[in-house]
Amino acid sequence: MSVAILIEFKEQGRKELYIPVATEGEYGTEWVENAEKLGLRWLPLFQAGTSVDVADLPAVVNEIQQLRARLVGNPKKAATVERMDFILESLGEVPPEEISRIFIG
């Protein structure tokens, strides 16, 4: 199993955006464990999966940025940091007003 971000758009016929995040095991050890140490709210919820309101997307992005800042200096976490950069870049390219639904899990 894995954790991914699925974004559906308001425009009919537009293909949904699928952003892979991590394998289930990696998400638990790299993401959740460190997110809990930082006291983050959203990231631990994604292991089981949850819908995210478009208005809450900036908070999710902020949590990914905080987690990235925690891991960035560790050479063993370079692949996770690269994945976070990809996720942040992908989310930054999507205008929030075009999103109808977000599910992360």
Protein backbone atom coordinates (compact mmCIF):
# COMPACT_ATOMS: atom_id res chain seq x y z
CA MET A 1 0.00 0.00 0.00
CA SER A 2 1.01 3.59 -0.38
CA VAL A 3 0.00 7.12 0.51
CA ALA A 4 -0.89 9.54 -2.28
CA ILE A 5 -2.65 12.82 -2.94
CA LEU A 6 -5.64 12.68 -5.24
CA ILE A 7 -7.04 15.96 -6.53
CA GLU A 8 -10.26 16.13 -8.50
CA PHE A 9 -11.10 19.22 -10.51
CA LYS A 10 -14.29 21.21 -11.03
CA GLU A 11 -13.88 21.14 -14.81
CA GLN A 12 -15.71 18.14 -16.22
CA GLY A 13 -13.52 15.85 -18.24
CA ARG A 14 -10.31 17.09 -16.64
CA LYS A 15 -8.20 14.19 -15.47
CA GLU A 16 -7.58 13.99 -11.74
CA LEU A 17 -4.11 14.68 -10.41
CA TYR A 18 -2.42 11.79 -8.61
CA ILE A 19 0.70 12.65 -6.59
CA PRO A 20 2.47 9.69 -4.98
CA VAL A 21 3.76 10.51 -1.50
CA ALA A 22 5.37 7.40 0.02
CA THR A 23 4.98 3.70 0.63
CA GLU A 24 2.91 2.83 3.69
CA GLY A 25 6.00 1.74 5.64
CA GLU A 26 8.01 4.81 4.73
CA TYR A 27 5.11 7.09 5.49
CA GLY A 28 4.80 5.66 8.98
CA THR A 29 8.49 5.84 9.83
CA GLU A 30 9.62 8.95 7.94
CA TRP A 31 6.54 11.13 7.80
CA VAL A 32 4.26 10.29 10.73
CA GLU A 33 6.97 9.69 13.29
CA ASN A 34 8.64 13.04 12.56
CA ALA A 35 5.34 14.90 12.13
CA GLU A 36 4.24 13.79 15.58
CA LYS A 37 7.54 14.98 17.07
CA LEU A 38 6.85 18.38 15.49
CA GLY A 39 3.28 18.40 16.78
CA LEU A 40 1.80 18.56 13.28
CA ARG A 41 -1.93 17.96 12.90
CA TRP A 42 -2.57 16.97 9.29
CA LEU A 43 0.25 14.71 8.21
CA PRO A 44 -0.46 11.90 10.72
CA LEU A 45 -4.07 11.72 9.46
CA PHE A 46 -2.99 10.78 5.96
CA GLN A 47 -1.71 7.35 6.96
CA ALA A 48 -5.33 6.18 7.31
CA GLY A 49 -6.57 8.60 4.64
CA THR A 50 -8.86 11.60 4.84
CA SER A 51 -10.50 14.26 2.72
CA VAL A 52 -9.02 17.73 2.90
CA ASP A 53 -11.02 20.88 2.30
CA VAL A 54 -9.46 23.18 -0.28
CA ALA A 55 -9.32 25.90 2.39
CA ASP A 56 -7.07 23.61 4.47
CA LEU A 57 -4.59 22.94 1.67
CA PRO A 58 -2.26 25.81 2.74
CA ALA A 59 -2.04 24.26 6.22
CA VAL A 60 -1.13 20.89 4.69
CA VAL A 61 1.52 22.53 2.51
CA ASN A 62 2.88 24.33 5.57
CA GLU A 63 3.18 21.05 7.46
CA ILE A 64 5.06 19.44 4.56
CA GLN A 65 7.42 22.43 4.54
CA GLN A 66 7.98 22.10 8.31
CA LEU A 67 8.72 18.40 7.99
CA ARG A 68 11.03 19.04 5.05
CA ALA A 69 12.96 21.60 7.13
CA ARG A 70 13.42 18.97 9.85
CA LEU A 71 14.82 16.37 7.43
CA VAL A 72 16.77 18.49 4.95
CA GLY A 73 20.18 18.27 6.66
CA ASN A 74 20.16 14.48 7.02
CA PRO A 75 21.82 12.71 4.05
CA LYS A 76 19.83 9.54 4.82
CA LYS A 77 16.61 11.50 4.26
CA ALA A 78 17.61 12.99 0.89
CA ALA A 79 15.14 10.86 -1.09
CA THR A 80 12.28 11.86 1.23
CA VAL A 81 13.23 15.53 0.92
CA GLU A 82 13.30 15.17 -2.88
CA ARG A 83 9.81 13.63 -2.79
CA MET A 84 8.61 16.53 -0.63
CA ASP A 85 10.05 19.01 -3.12
CA PHE A 86 8.17 17.22 -5.92
CA ILE A 87 4.93 17.26 -3.90
CA LEU A 88 5.27 20.95 -3.01
CA GLU A 89 6.04 21.85 -6.62
CA SER A 90 3.09 19.81 -7.90
CA LEU A 91 0.67 21.36 -5.41
CA GLY A 92 2.00 24.84 -6.18
CA GLU A 93 1.04 24.41 -9.83
CA VAL A 94 -2.64 23.78 -9.06
CA PRO A 95 -4.85 26.87 -8.66
CA PRO A 96 -7.04 26.18 -5.59
CA GLU A 97 -10.13 27.62 -7.28
CA GLU A 98 -9.99 24.78 -9.83
CA ILE A 99 -10.10 22.02 -7.18
CA SER A 100 -13.34 20.27 -6.30
CA ARG A 101 -12.03 17.56 -3.97
CA ILE A 102 -8.80 16.48 -2.28
CA PHE A 103 -8.18 13.09 -0.72
CA ILE A 104 -4.88 12.16 0.87
CA GLY A 105 -4.20 8.65 2.04
